[in-house]
Structure formats: structure tokens, C-alpha cells
PDB file of N, CA and C in Angstrom:
ATOM      1  N   MET A   1     -46.098 -30.266   6.694  1.00  0.00           N
ATOM      2  CA  MET A   1     -44.986 -31.540   5.690  1.00  0.00           C
ATOM      3  C   MET A   1     -44.283 -32.401   7.167  1.00  0.00           C
ATOM      4  N   ARG A   2     -43.896 -33.451   7.260  1.00  0.00           N
ATOM      5  CA  ARG A   2     -44.225 -34.345   8.281  1.00  0.00           C
ATOM      6  C   ARG A   2     -42.370 -34.658   7.534  1.00  0.00           C
ATOM      7  N   VAL A   3     -41.643 -34.365   8.845  1.00  0.00           N
ATOM      8  CA  VAL A   3     -39.959 -33.908   9.065  1.00  0.00           C
ATOM      9  C   VAL A   3     -39.732 -35.368   9.700  1.00  0.00           C
ATOM     10  N   ARG A   4     -39.156 -35.782   8.940  1.00  0.00           N
ATOM     11  CA  ARG A   4     -37.811 -37.242   9.684  1.00  0.00           C
ATOM     12  C   ARG A   4     -36.573 -36.962   9.919  1.00  0.00           C
ATOM     13  N   TRP A   5     -36.340 -37.325  10.574  1.00  0.00           N
ATOM     14  CA  TRP A   5     -34.714 -37.560  10.660  1.00  0.00           C
ATOM     15  C   TRP A   5     -34.089 -38.955  10.497  1.00  0.00           C
ATOM     16  N   THR A   6     -32.874 -38.773   9.328  1.00  0.00           N
ATOM     17  CA  THR A   6     -32.299 -40.169   9.814  1.00  0.00           C
ATOM     18  C   THR A   6     -31.372 -40.569  11.143  1.00  0.00           C
ATOM     19  N   ARG A   7     -31.159 -42.258  11.479  1.00  0.00           N
ATOM     20  CA  ARG A   7     -30.091 -41.991  12.055  1.00  0.00           C
ATOM     21  C   ARG A   7     -29.386 -41.593  13.097  1.00  0.00           C
ATOM     22  N   LEU A   8     -28.112 -41.068  11.068  1.00  0.00           N
ATOM     23  CA  LEU A   8     -27.703 -40.189  11.212  1.00  0.00           C
ATOM     24  C   LEU A   8     -27.306 -38.517  11.414  1.00  0.00           C
ATOM     25  N   ALA A   9     -28.682 -38.534  11.517  1.00  0.00           N
ATOM     26  CA  ALA A   9     -28.935 -36.637  11.573  1.00  0.00           C
ATOM     27  C   ALA A   9     -29.128 -36.733  13.633  1.00  0.00           C
ATOM     28  N   LEU A  10     -29.367 -37.601  13.339  1.00  0.00           N
ATOM     29  CA  LEU A  10     -30.399 -37.743  14.952  1.00  0.00           C
ATOM     30  C   LEU A  10     -28.220 -37.945  15.752  1.00  0.00           C
ATOM     31  N   ALA A  11     -28.094 -38.639  15.391  1.00  0.00           N
ATOM     32  CA  ALA A  11     -26.684 -38.670  15.943  1.00  0.00           C
ATOM     33  C   ALA A  11     -25.683 -37.835  16.099  1.00  0.00           C
ATOM     34  N   ASP A  12     -25.518 -37.308  15.003  1.00  0.00           N
ATOM     35  CA  ASP A  12     -25.082 -36.323  14.127  1.00  0.00           C
ATOM     36  C   ASP A  12     -25.666 -34.660  16.116  1.00  0.00           C
ATOM     37  N   LEU A  13     -26.707 -34.960  15.380  1.00  0.00           N
ATOM     38  CA  LEU A  13     -27.806 -33.678  16.930  1.00  0.00           C
ATOM     39  C   LEU A  13     -27.251 -33.739  18.096  1.00  0.00           C
ATOM     40  N   ILE A  14     -26.764 -34.985  18.582  1.00  0.00           N
ATOM     41  CA  ILE A  14     -27.277 -35.696  19.408  1.00  0.00           C
ATOM     42  C   ILE A  14     -25.037 -35.382  20.059  1.00  0.00           C
ATOM     43  N   ALA A  15     -24.550 -35.752  19.007  1.00  0.00           N
ATOM     44  CA  ALA A  15     -23.466 -35.604  19.450  1.00  0.00           C
ATOM     45  C   ALA A  15     -22.908 -33.902  19.137  1.00  0.00           C
ATOM     46  N   ALA A  16     -23.436 -33.084  18.791  1.00  0.00           N
ATOM     47  CA  ALA A  16     -22.727 -31.405  18.938  1.00  0.00           C
ATOM     48  C   ALA A  16     -23.880 -31.135  20.030  1.00  0.00           C
ATOM     49  N   ARG A  17     -24.861 -31.619  20.309  1.00  0.00           N
ATOM     50  CA  ARG A  17     -25.782 -30.946  22.159  1.00  0.00           C
ATOM     51  C   ARG A  17     -24.342 -31.620  23.082  1.00  0.00           C
ATOM     52  N   ASP A  18     -24.264 -32.817  22.806  1.00  0.00           N
ATOM     53  CA  ASP A  18     -24.148 -33.691  24.144  1.00  0.00           C
ATOM     54  C   ASP A  18     -21.368 -32.801  24.166  1.00  0.00           C
ATOM     55  N   HIS A  19     -21.429 -32.221  23.118  1.00  0.00           N
ATOM     56  CA  HIS A  19     -20.375 -31.418  23.193  1.00  0.00           C
ATOM     57  C   HIS A  19     -20.481 -29.671  22.894  1.00  0.00           C
ATOM     58  N   LEU A  20     -21.216 -29.591  23.136  1.00  0.00           N
ATOM     59  CA  LEU A  20     -21.456 -28.373  23.448  1.00  0.00           C
ATOM     60  C   LEU A  20     -21.660 -27.706  24.786  1.00  0.00           C
ATOM     61  N   VAL A  21     -23.092 -29.308  25.601  1.00  0.00           N
ATOM     62  CA  VAL A  21     -23.447 -28.637  26.632  1.00  0.00           C
ATOM     63  C   VAL A  21     -21.945 -29.348  28.097  1.00  0.00           C
ATOM     64  N   SER A  22     -21.095 -29.905  27.002  1.00  0.00           N
ATOM     65  CA  SER A  22     -20.083 -29.759  27.900  1.00  0.00           C
ATOM     66  C   SER A  22     -19.258 -28.520  27.944  1.00  0.00           C
ATOM     67  N   GLU A  23     -19.088 -27.711  27.148  1.00  0.00           N
ATOM     68  CA  GLU A  23     -17.729 -26.102  27.324  1.00  0.00           C
ATOM     69  C   GLU A  23     -19.839 -25.325  27.564  1.00  0.00           C
ATOM     70  N   ASN A  24     -20.268 -25.060  27.340  1.00  0.00           N
ATOM     71  CA  ASN A  24     -21.804 -24.487  27.048  1.00  0.00           C
ATOM     72  C   ASN A  24     -22.509 -25.184  27.444  1.00  0.00           C
ATOM     73  N   PRO A  25     -23.394 -25.121  28.533  1.00  0.00           N
ATOM     74  CA  PRO A  25     -25.074 -25.361  28.503  1.00  0.00           C
ATOM     75  C   PRO A  25     -25.211 -24.527  27.757  1.00  0.00           C
ATOM     76  N   VAL A  26     -25.940 -23.342  27.830  1.00  0.00           N
ATOM     77  CA  VAL A  26     -26.254 -22.394  27.568  1.00  0.00           C
ATOM     78  C   VAL A  26     -26.547 -22.046  25.796  1.00  0.00           C
ATOM     79  N   ALA A  27     -25.715 -22.690  25.192  1.00  0.00           N
ATOM     80  CA  ALA A  27     -25.132 -22.272  23.829  1.00  0.00           C
ATOM     81  C   ALA A  27     -25.870 -23.481  23.162  1.00  0.00           C
ATOM     82  N   ALA A  28     -26.021 -24.597  23.933  1.00  0.00           N
ATOM     83  CA  ALA A  28     -26.347 -26.126  23.964  1.00  0.00           C
ATOM     84  C   ALA A  28     -27.832 -25.505  23.381  1.00  0.00           C
ATOM     85  N   GLU A  29     -28.250 -25.687  24.827  1.00  0.00           N
ATOM     86  CA  GLU A  29     -29.675 -25.181  24.683  1.00  0.00           C
ATOM     87  C   GLU A  29     -30.359 -24.375  23.295  1.00  0.00           C
ATOM     88  N   ALA A  30     -29.450 -22.852  23.290  1.00  0.00           N
ATOM     89  CA  ALA A  30     -29.449 -22.031  22.113  1.00  0.00           C
ATOM     90  C   ALA A  30     -29.765 -23.223  20.654  1.00  0.00           C
ATOM     91  N   MET A  31     -28.515 -23.833  20.916  1.00  0.00           N
ATOM     92  CA  MET A  31     -27.938 -24.239  19.363  1.00  0.00           C
ATOM     93  C   MET A  31     -29.225 -25.892  19.079  1.00  0.00           C
ATOM     94  N   LEU A  32     -30.353 -25.764  19.844  1.00  0.00           N
ATOM     95  CA  LEU A  32     -31.334 -27.387  20.024  1.00  0.00           C
ATOM     96  C   LEU A  32     -32.551 -25.397  19.902  1.00  0.00           C
ATOM     97  N   ARG A  33     -32.942 -24.883  20.507  1.00  0.00           N
ATOM     98  CA  ARG A  33     -33.799 -24.590  19.405  1.00  0.00           C
ATOM     99  C   ARG A  33     -33.748 -23.482  18.608  1.00  0.00           C
ATOM    100  N   THR A  34     -32.775 -22.621  18.324  1.00  0.00           N
ATOM    101  CA  THR A  34     -32.412 -22.738  16.590  1.00  0.00           C
ATOM    102  C   THR A  34     -32.554 -23.938  15.607  1.00  0.00           C
ATOM    103  N   VAL A  35     -32.537 -24.907  16.216  1.00  0.00           N
ATOM    104  CA  VAL A  35     -32.329 -26.482  14.951  1.00  0.00           C
ATOM    105  C   VAL A  35     -34.272 -26.533  15.208  1.00  0.00           C
ATOM    106  N   ARG A  36     -34.727 -26.242  16.159  1.00  0.00           N
ATOM    107  CA  ARG A  36     -36.349 -26.753  16.257  1.00  0.00           C
ATOM    108  C   ARG A  36     -36.860 -25.395  15.698  1.00  0.00           C
ATOM    109  N   GLU A  37     -36.500 -24.181  15.677  1.00  0.00           N
ATOM    110  CA  GLU A  37     -37.715 -23.357  14.490  1.00  0.00           C
ATOM    111  C   GLU A  37     -37.399 -23.514  13.230  1.00  0.00           C
ATOM    112  N   ALA A  38     -35.681 -24.230  13.062  1.00  0.00           N
ATOM    113  CA  ALA A  38     -36.036 -23.834  11.359  1.00  0.00           C
ATOM    114  C   ALA A  38     -36.568 -25.537  10.805  1.00  0.00           C
ATOM    115  N   VAL A  39     -36.619 -26.641  11.845  1.00  0.00           N
ATOM    116  CA  VAL A  39     -37.732 -26.962  11.270  1.00  0.00           C
ATOM    117  C   VAL A  39     -39.108 -27.174  11.194  1.00  0.00           C
ATOM    118  N   GLN A  40     -39.172 -26.394  11.633  1.00  0.00           N
ATOM    119  CA  GLN A  40     -40.575 -25.728  11.984  1.00  0.00           C
ATOM    120  C   GLN A  40     -40.927 -25.438  10.197  1.00  0.00           C
ATOM    121  N   LYS A  41     -40.052 -24.353  10.256  1.00  0.00           N
ATOM    122  CA  LYS A  41     -40.143 -23.762   9.205  1.00  0.00           C
ATOM    123  C   LYS A  41     -39.768 -24.253   7.215  1.00  0.00           C
ATOM    124  N   LEU A  42     -38.634 -25.603   8.179  1.00  0.00           N
ATOM    125  CA  LEU A  42     -39.397 -26.724   7.009  1.00  0.00           C
ATOM    126  C   LEU A  42     -40.590 -27.427   6.968  1.00  0.00           C
ATOM    127  N   ARG A  43     -41.750 -27.683   7.648  1.00  0.00           N
ATOM    128  CA  ARG A  43     -42.466 -28.014   7.017  1.00  0.00           C
ATOM    129  C   ARG A  43     -43.274 -27.415   6.156  1.00  0.00           C
ATOM    130  N   LYS A  44     -43.108 -26.090   6.939  1.00  0.00           N
ATOM    131  CA  LYS A  44     -44.254 -24.740   6.038  1.00  0.00           C
ATOM    132  C   LYS A  44     -44.063 -24.944   4.723  1.00  0.00           C
ATOM    133  N   HIS A  45     -41.918 -24.529   4.402  1.00  0.00           N
ATOM    134  CA  HIS A  45     -41.554 -24.136   3.050  1.00  0.00           C
ATOM    135  C   HIS A  45     -40.197 -25.028   2.877  1.00  0.00           C
ATOM    136  N   PRO A  46     -40.601 -25.902   3.027  1.00  0.00           N
ATOM    137  CA  PRO A  46     -40.124 -26.934   3.019  1.00  0.00           C
ATOM    138  C   PRO A  46     -38.643 -26.808   1.644  1.00  0.00           C
ATOM    139  N   ARG A  47     -38.349 -25.996   0.731  1.00  0.00           N
ATOM    140  CA  ARG A  47     -37.365 -26.236  -0.714  1.00  0.00           C
ATOM    141  C   ARG A  47     -36.410 -24.419  -0.537  1.00  0.00           C
ATOM    142  N   MET A  48     -37.403 -24.171   0.890  1.00  0.00           N
ATOM    143  CA  MET A  48     -35.887 -22.658   1.843  1.00  0.00           C
ATOM    144  C   MET A  48     -35.094 -22.987   1.603  1.00  0.00           C
ATOM    145  N   GLY A  49     -34.143 -24.245   1.870  1.00  0.00           N
ATOM    146  CA  GLY A  49     -32.139 -23.973   2.144  1.00  0.00           C
ATOM    147  C   GLY A  49     -31.808 -24.215   0.708  1.00  0.00           C
ATOM    148  N   ARG A  50     -31.558 -23.542   0.758  1.00  0.00           N
ATOM    149  CA  ARG A  50     -30.386 -23.685  -0.871  1.00  0.00           C
ATOM    150  C   ARG A  50     -29.674 -25.461  -1.071  1.00  0.00           C
ATOM    151  N   VAL A  51     -29.296 -25.663  -2.391  1.00  0.00           N
ATOM    152  CA  VAL A  51     -28.825 -26.617  -2.183  1.00  0.00           C
ATOM    153  C   VAL A  51     -27.576 -26.652  -2.412  1.00  0.00           C
ATOM    154  N   VAL A  52     -26.608 -28.250  -1.820  1.00  0.00           N
ATOM    155  CA  VAL A  52     -26.411 -28.191  -1.259  1.00  0.00           C
ATOM    156  C   VAL A  52     -24.698 -28.656  -2.939  1.00  0.00           C
ATOM    157  N   PRO A  53     -23.848 -27.371  -2.296  1.00  0.00           N
ATOM    158  CA  PRO A  53     -23.029 -27.678  -3.868  1.00  0.00           C
ATOM    159  C   PRO A  53     -22.218 -29.009  -3.484  1.00  0.00           C
ATOM    160  N   GLU A  54     -22.088 -29.079  -2.238  1.00  0.00           N
ATOM    161  CA  GLU A  54     -20.888 -30.579  -2.916  1.00  0.00           C
ATOM    162  C   GLU A  54     -21.916 -32.030  -3.461  1.00  0.00           C
ATOM    163  N   ARG A  55     -23.712 -31.335  -3.327  1.00  0.00           N
ATOM    164  CA  ARG A  55     -24.099 -32.666  -3.334  1.00  0.00           C
ATOM    165  C   ARG A  55     -25.580 -32.092  -4.695  1.00  0.00           C
ATOM    166  N   ARG A  56     -25.246 -31.392  -4.916  1.00  0.00           N
ATOM    167  CA  ARG A  56     -26.145 -30.603  -6.313  1.00  0.00           C
ATOM    168  C   ARG A  56     -26.548 -31.721  -7.512  1.00  0.00           C
ATOM    169  N   SER A  57     -26.360 -32.865  -7.762  1.00  0.00           N
ATOM    170  CA  SER A  57     -26.936 -33.520  -8.741  1.00  0.00           C
ATOM    171  C   SER A  57     -27.885 -34.816  -7.828  1.00  0.00           C
ATOM    172  N   LEU A  58     -27.030 -34.958  -6.578  1.00  0.00           N
ATOM    173  CA  LEU A  58     -28.593 -35.735  -5.642  1.00  0.00           C
ATOM    174  C   LEU A  58     -29.702 -34.985  -5.074  1.00  0.00           C
ATOM    175  N   GLY A  59     -29.621 -33.820  -4.578  1.00  0.00           N
ATOM    176  CA  GLY A  59     -30.610 -32.387  -4.825  1.00  0.00           C
ATOM    177  C   GLY A  59     -30.350 -32.424  -3.424  1.00  0.00           C
ATOM    178  N   TYR A  60     -29.878 -32.221  -2.720  1.00  0.00           N
ATOM    179  CA  TYR A  60     -29.839 -32.120  -1.063  1.00  0.00           C
ATOM    180  C   TYR A  60     -30.309 -31.230  -0.956  1.00  0.00           C
ATOM    181  N   ARG A  61     -30.805 -30.511   0.520  1.00  0.00           N
ATOM    182  CA  ARG A  61     -30.838 -28.968   0.249  1.00  0.00           C
ATOM    183  C   ARG A  61     -30.248 -28.434   1.830  1.00  0.00           C
ATOM    184  N   GLU A  62     -29.589 -27.910   2.297  1.00  0.00           N
ATOM    185  CA  GLU A  62     -29.399 -27.391   3.329  1.00  0.00           C
ATOM    186  C   GLU A  62     -29.650 -25.813   4.212  1.00  0.00           C
ATOM    187  N   ILE A  63     -30.147 -25.686   5.249  1.00  0.00           N
ATOM    188  CA  ILE A  63     -29.561 -24.517   5.694  1.00  0.00           C
ATOM    189  C   ILE A  63     -28.561 -24.749   7.203  1.00  0.00           C
ATOM    190  N   ILE A  64     -27.574 -23.361   6.513  1.00  0.00           N
ATOM    191  CA  ILE A  64     -26.617 -23.132   7.135  1.00  0.00           C
ATOM    192  C   ILE A  64     -27.560 -22.516   8.919  1.00  0.00           C
ATOM    193  N   LEU A  65     -26.890 -22.716  10.241  1.00  0.00           N
ATOM    194  CA  LEU A  65     -26.709 -22.463  11.495  1.00  0.00           C
ATOM    195  C   LEU A  65     -25.601 -22.201  12.221  1.00  0.00           C
ATOM    196  N   PRO A  66     -25.271 -21.235  11.366  1.00  0.00           N
ATOM    197  CA  PRO A  66     -23.480 -21.398  11.865  1.00  0.00           C
ATOM    198  C   PRO A  66     -22.821 -22.186  13.361  1.00  0.00           C
ATOM    199  N   PRO A  67     -22.335 -22.326  13.737  1.00  0.00           N
ATOM    200  CA  PRO A  67     -20.972 -23.226  13.184  1.00  0.00           C
ATOM    201  C   PRO A  67     -22.158 -23.977  11.427  1.00  0.00           C
ATOM    202  N   PHE A  68     -22.899 -24.993  11.890  1.00  0.00           N
ATOM    203  CA  PHE A  68     -23.725 -26.225  11.516  1.00  0.00           C
ATOM    204  C   PHE A  68     -24.624 -26.411  10.228  1.00  0.00           C
ATOM    205  N   ARG A  69     -24.542 -27.414   9.377  1.00  0.00           N
ATOM    206  CA  ARG A  69     -25.567 -26.938   8.115  1.00  0.00           C
ATOM    207  C   ARG A  69     -26.476 -28.750   8.482  1.00  0.00           C
ATOM    208  N   LEU A  70     -27.441 -28.309   8.595  1.00  0.00           N
ATOM    209  CA  LEU A  70     -29.038 -29.010   8.095  1.00  0.00           C
ATOM    210  C   LEU A  70     -28.809 -29.243   7.141  1.00  0.00           C
ATOM    211  N   VAL A  71     -28.699 -30.708   6.529  1.00  0.00           N
ATOM    212  CA  VAL A  71     -28.398 -31.668   5.947  1.00  0.00           C
ATOM    213  C   VAL A  71     -29.772 -32.118   5.094  1.00  0.00           C
ATOM    214  N   TYR A  72     -30.976 -31.451   3.854  1.00  0.00           N
ATOM    215  CA  TYR A  72     -32.166 -32.557   3.816  1.00  0.00           C
ATOM    216  C   TYR A  72     -32.185 -33.137   2.244  1.00  0.00           C
ATOM    217  N   ALA A  73     -33.947 -34.071   1.770  1.00  0.00           N
ATOM    218  CA  ALA A  73     -34.123 -33.826   1.237  1.00  0.00           C
ATOM    219  C   ALA A  73     -34.755 -33.892   0.932  1.00  0.00           C
ATOM    220  N   VAL A  74     -35.745 -33.942   0.072  1.00  0.00           N
ATOM    221  CA  VAL A  74     -37.489 -33.612   0.197  1.00  0.00           C
ATOM    222  C   VAL A  74     -37.811 -33.918  -0.844  1.00  0.00           C
ATOM    223  N   ALA A  75     -38.502 -34.602   0.097  1.00  0.00           N
ATOM    224  CA  ALA A  75     -39.797 -36.662  -1.310  1.00  0.00           C
ATOM    225  C   ALA A  75     -41.183 -35.784  -1.252  1.00  0.00           C
ATOM    226  N   ARG A  76     -41.790 -36.600  -1.105  1.00  0.00           N
ATOM    227  CA  ARG A  76     -43.335 -36.496  -2.214  1.00  0.00           C
ATOM    228  C   ARG A  76     -43.271 -35.324  -0.365  1.00  0.00           C
ATOM    229  N   ASP A  77     -44.309 -36.406   0.767  1.00  0.00           N
ATOM    230  CA  ASP A  77     -44.656 -35.397   1.240  1.00  0.00           C
ATOM    231  C   ASP A  77     -44.489 -35.864   2.705  1.00  0.00           C
ATOM    232  N   GLU A  78     -42.353 -35.550   2.391  1.00  0.00           N
ATOM    233  CA  GLU A  78     -42.042 -35.676   3.700  1.00  0.00           C
ATOM    234  C   GLU A  78     -40.241 -34.654   3.326  1.00  0.00           C
ATOM    235  N   VAL A  79     -39.971 -34.095   4.216  1.00  0.00           N
ATOM    236  CA  VAL A  79     -38.484 -34.209   4.431  1.00  0.00           C
ATOM    237  C   VAL A  79     -38.083 -35.149   5.605  1.00  0.00           C
ATOM    238  N   GLN A  80     -36.634 -35.368   4.780  1.00  0.00           N
ATOM    239  CA  GLN A  80     -35.837 -36.067   5.243  1.00  0.00           C
ATOM    240  C   GLN A  80     -34.291 -35.136   5.596  1.00  0.00           C
ATOM    241  N   VAL A  81     -33.954 -34.878   6.667  1.00  0.00           N
ATOM    242  CA  VAL A  81     -32.983 -34.533   7.554  1.00  0.00           C
ATOM    243  C   VAL A  81     -32.586 -36.070   7.484  1.00  0.00           C
ATOM    244  N   LEU A  82     -31.411 -35.179   6.647  1.00  0.00           N
ATOM    245  CA  LEU A  82     -30.032 -37.111   6.452  1.00  0.00           C
ATOM    246  C   LEU A  82     -29.013 -36.476   7.479  1.00  0.00           C
ATOM    247  N   ARG A  83     -28.150 -34.926   7.070  1.00  0.00           N
ATOM    248  CA  ARG A  83     -27.288 -35.213   7.980  1.00  0.00           C
ATOM    249  C   ARG A  83     -27.097 -33.472   8.765  1.00  0.00           C
ATOM    250  N   PHE A  84     -26.593 -33.629  10.234  1.00  0.00           N
ATOM    251  CA  PHE A  84     -26.258 -31.996  10.911  1.00  0.00           C
ATOM    252  C   PHE A  84     -24.802 -31.886  11.160  1.00  0.00           C
ATOM    253  N   TRP A  85     -24.429 -31.488  10.323  1.00  0.00           N
ATOM    254  CA  TRP A  85     -22.067 -31.553  10.029  1.00  0.00           C
ATOM    255  C   TRP A  85     -22.261 -30.275  10.275  1.00  0.00           C
ATOM    256  N   HIS A  86     -20.922 -29.459  11.464  1.00  0.00           N
ATOM    257  CA  HIS A  86     -20.799 -29.009  11.476  1.00  0.00           C
ATOM    258  C   HIS A  86     -19.881 -28.638  10.052  1.00  0.00           C
ATOM    259  N   ALA A  87     -19.923 -27.106   9.719  1.00  0.00           N
ATOM    260  CA  ALA A  87     -18.942 -26.631   9.047  1.00  0.00           C
ATOM    261  C   ALA A  87     -17.672 -26.928   8.526  1.00  0.00           C
ATOM    262  N   ARG A  88     -16.511 -26.910   9.734  1.00  0.00           N
ATOM    263  CA  ARG A  88     -15.783 -27.744   8.981  1.00  0.00           C
ATOM    264  C   ARG A  88     -15.647 -28.626   9.000  1.00  0.00           C
ATOM    265  N   ARG A  89     -16.209 -29.568   8.689  1.00  0.00           N
ATOM    266  CA  ARG A  89     -16.446 -30.894   8.547  1.00  0.00           C
ATOM    267  C   ARG A  89     -16.244 -31.085   7.089  1.00  0.00           C
ATOM    268  N   ASP A  90     -14.875 -32.759   6.830  1.00  0.00           N
ATOM    269  CA  ASP A  90     -15.381 -32.561   5.201  1.00  0.00           C
ATOM    270  C   ASP A  90     -16.244 -33.478   4.323  1.00  0.00           C
ATOM    271  N   PRO A  91     -17.111 -32.716   3.834  1.00  0.00           N
ATOM    272  CA  PRO A  91     -18.401 -32.798   4.041  1.00  0.00           C
ATOM    273  C   PRO A  91     -18.586 -33.996   2.340  1.00  0.00           C
ATOM    274  N   THR A  92     -17.330 -35.191   2.061  1.00  0.00           N
ATOM    275  CA  THR A  92     -17.251 -35.954   1.197  1.00  0.00           C
ATOM    276  C   THR A  92     -17.829 -36.859   2.386  1.00  0.00           C
ATOM    277  N   GLY A  93     -18.367 -37.131   3.067  1.00  0.00           N
ATOM    278  CA  GLY A  93     -18.965 -38.072   4.042  1.00  0.00           C
ATOM    279  C   GLY A  93     -20.112 -38.057   4.036  1.00  0.00           C
ATOM    280  N   MET A  94     -20.506 -37.045   3.877  1.00  0.00           N
ATOM    281  CA  MET A  94     -21.697 -36.253   3.462  1.00  0.00           C
ATOM    282  C   MET A  94     -23.347 -37.618   3.362  1.00  0.00           C
TER     283      MET A  94
END
């Protein structure tokens, strides 16, 4: 299955990476590697993540990659990554 990142999700990922790079470049690379691995798994198992409790009615799913939440939706033939959210962030803007 194809995985497509929304502009918001890419902006979230880039901001997280930039923040980590300034503090710990090794941790930033590890985070990106973890995200790549999770996305590869999503290609084969798109419903592997749990339903997002705050967005249950919309059918959003998420994979927890501490301290981040990779929030996505499953469409017919693709997974849409909607946000890459820090777990401490208020989910109402999700």
C-alpha cells in the first residue's frame, strides 16, 4: 500500500528533526530511522496502529513512537500520514 504524507505531517516531522538536531544529532537520526521503519510496516499492515482516542469518530489511527504520535488515516489504496505529533501537544488541533 502507498503511504502519502500531508504537508502538515511533513512540516511536523521537519520541525521535530530540526529541534532534535540542534540538541542531539544522533537522536535526530535515530528518530528518523524509527519513523522510516514504522512507515515501512504501515505499507504492509495499514491497520496496525491503534484508533486515536481523541478522534475515534473520524477513524484516525496512530503509531506511538515515543515521544511522538504518527497519526494517519487509511483510504482505499493508501495510508495518509496526517500529523507527526509530540505526545505532550494538545490534540485538539490534530
